[in-house]
Amino acid sequence: MKCSASVCFARRVLMMGALLGVAVGSAAAATSDPAGPALLLAQVEKFQLTDHARVAAALKQLHEEERQLTPAQRWHLRYLDAYQASLDGSFDRAAPLLRDVIDHSGDAALATRATAKLITNLAINHHYEEAFKLANTLMVDLPGVTDSAAHAQALRAIVQMLGLAGESDQALKYAQQLDPERASPENRCGNYSYKFNAMITLSSNDPGLLRAIAVCLADKQAVFANTLRLTRADFLKEEGHPDQAIALLKSIEPSILRSGFQPHIADLHVSLAQSYAKLGNDADARRAALAAVAASDPGSFTWPLQVAYELLYEIGKRAGNDHLALSYYEKYVVQYKAGMDDAKTRALAYQMVKQNVLSKKMKLDALGKQNRILELRQALASQAQETSHLLIALLLAMLAFIMSAMFWLRRSQLRFRQMARHDGLTGAFNRGYFFDEAGRVVRRLHRTGAEVCLVVLDMDHFKRVNDTHGHPAGDEVLRHTVTICRSELRESDVFGRLGGEEFGILMPACSRDQGIEVASRIRRQLIENPLILDAQNTIAVSASFGLACSDISGHQLHQLFGDADAALYRAKEGGRNQLVATTDADASVTARTGIPVVSAM
């Protein structure tokens, strides 16, 4: 599976989010009185990622001396407890602590930091709707955040959520505000990491990226430096230099393993596996992929797990170990589906929050208009009652018209979107959208080497149905055909009406034998289930089918369609109500009810 720079940014954004608050926190704490509890608080902030034992001892001492802390220091301690719980994976314990700091601390800067950390925790646990709501609140409040450390942490959280939403341009806009050159030494490395991961148009030798890595190494911020170096390895792979990517990954492997940061360890191994695979070194690719699996939680769904299982499946298949390959393929499918479901959930949550924000804005605008109307009513109260009533009625009518127009516009947008993709009569994809979607699927399958079959079917004697029973009956025949086809197809299959009584079916990850079986079932179902118009009128339905598969026609949609259409023509020419499929010898097989398969082309 290829990882483009934009995809890598989206999958690493939560990885960086897990570190959110580390460097900026140490900068904030350093301004406190360096004595007693203040010094301990500063130590916790500074060593939270690098010295777990020291942090645990400092937190224990702070809790033992909690009565000596000022109210501000107690709230700071509560934030650090929540942060440590987050690092330990105890998100359920961290959430109420962070919410308490946000709602009751009275410290605007600390509340901003707690909000940013809560956003990350929610996103890690897939609570996307609340995470996006809080991120939107941060965007609104950001201009009023005067504390530089809290401002930087808020920016990082916003960049993180925009990256997860796929809003790369907006993410870069906010990332540009993270000015590493003016930041304190504790902050500049983290700012570099977020900024350059958002700049998806970089190259592996971009001077800014190389400088960012050097600065992080000089500041001894190994985790952030490794994030940037993993990103650079991705660029090297994309640029066709897997050997250089391997060299870079091997050079940073000791640092990543020492850090013990699990997301980096899994990412390292899967990047190595991809690079070895590009060089045709299946043995090392398999070892690296297995290491990525071992470094990941098997019960979770992550990008490294998905890629590792896919590589292991492909390697097993090439080695002829079909049983092992199938086992890995099943695990890959579970990861892929879970990832797709999570992406859909995330996109839906983002759109819901976005729509809610727009809805609230529209309501505020409407309230503003109503307030202006009330002001006008008061101003006109001294005038003649008849004139006042007339003006008020006119303004209310204008408001009603505006609201009605907005409602109509929204409904029209939804209706036009539906019309742009679907056939109005049958509900199947229309011709244009069918070919667009089929083209995307075929290109994806071409990259993975998976098989694909295309079926073109045409209703037999459809003109006779229209002439005998009328066009409404013909419409019912088309809808009846769509219902039967859908009952035999998978959710992943692309089904559309190509025009008139002709339909197309694209079946991804489908062999020739499977394609023939599906098309044959549809043909039999059409014959065995005539359309019953009423007690006196029953219409026998049949269709002719042409089938082409990538094993002969390749992974070009125009070639697949041309071969399937030619096969359909042969089916029509051979007597209708039959299936013709192209074969290796530029032949076809024709299947009829009760008649053996014979060569027809």
Foldseek 3Di string as FASTA:
>chain_A
DAQALLNLLLQCLLVLLLVQQQLLVLVVLVVDDCDDLSVLLNVLSPCVQPDVVSNVVSLVVCVVVVVVDDLLSNLSSLQSVLSSCVNVVNNVVNVVSLVCSLPPSPDVLSNLSSLLSNLSSCVVVLVQLVSLLSLVVLVVCLVVDPPPSSSLSNLSSNLSLCSNLVVLVVSLVSLVVLDLVPDDLSRNLSSLLSNVSSVSPDALVDVSLVVSLVSCVVSVVLVSSLSSLLSSLSRCVVVPNLVVSLVSLVVCVVVVVSSVSLVSQLSSLLSNLVSCVSVVNLVSSLVSLVSSVVSDDLVDAGPSVLSSLLSQLVSCVVVVVNVSSVVSVVSNVVNVVVVVVSSVSNNVSNVVSVVVVVVVVVVVVLVVLVVVLVVLLVVCVPPDPVVSVVVSVVSVVVSVVVVVVVVVVVVVVVVVVQVCFADPLQRAGEQVNLVVVLLVLLVVCQVSVAKKKKKKKFKPPLVVCCVPVNVVVSSVLLNVLSVLLVVLDDPPWHKYAHDDRMIMIMGTNADPVRVVVSVVSSQVVQQVDWDDPDPVDTHRIGMEMFMEMCVAQNSDVVSNVVRRVVQSVQCVVVPTSWYWYQDPVRWTWIDHVPDDTDTRD
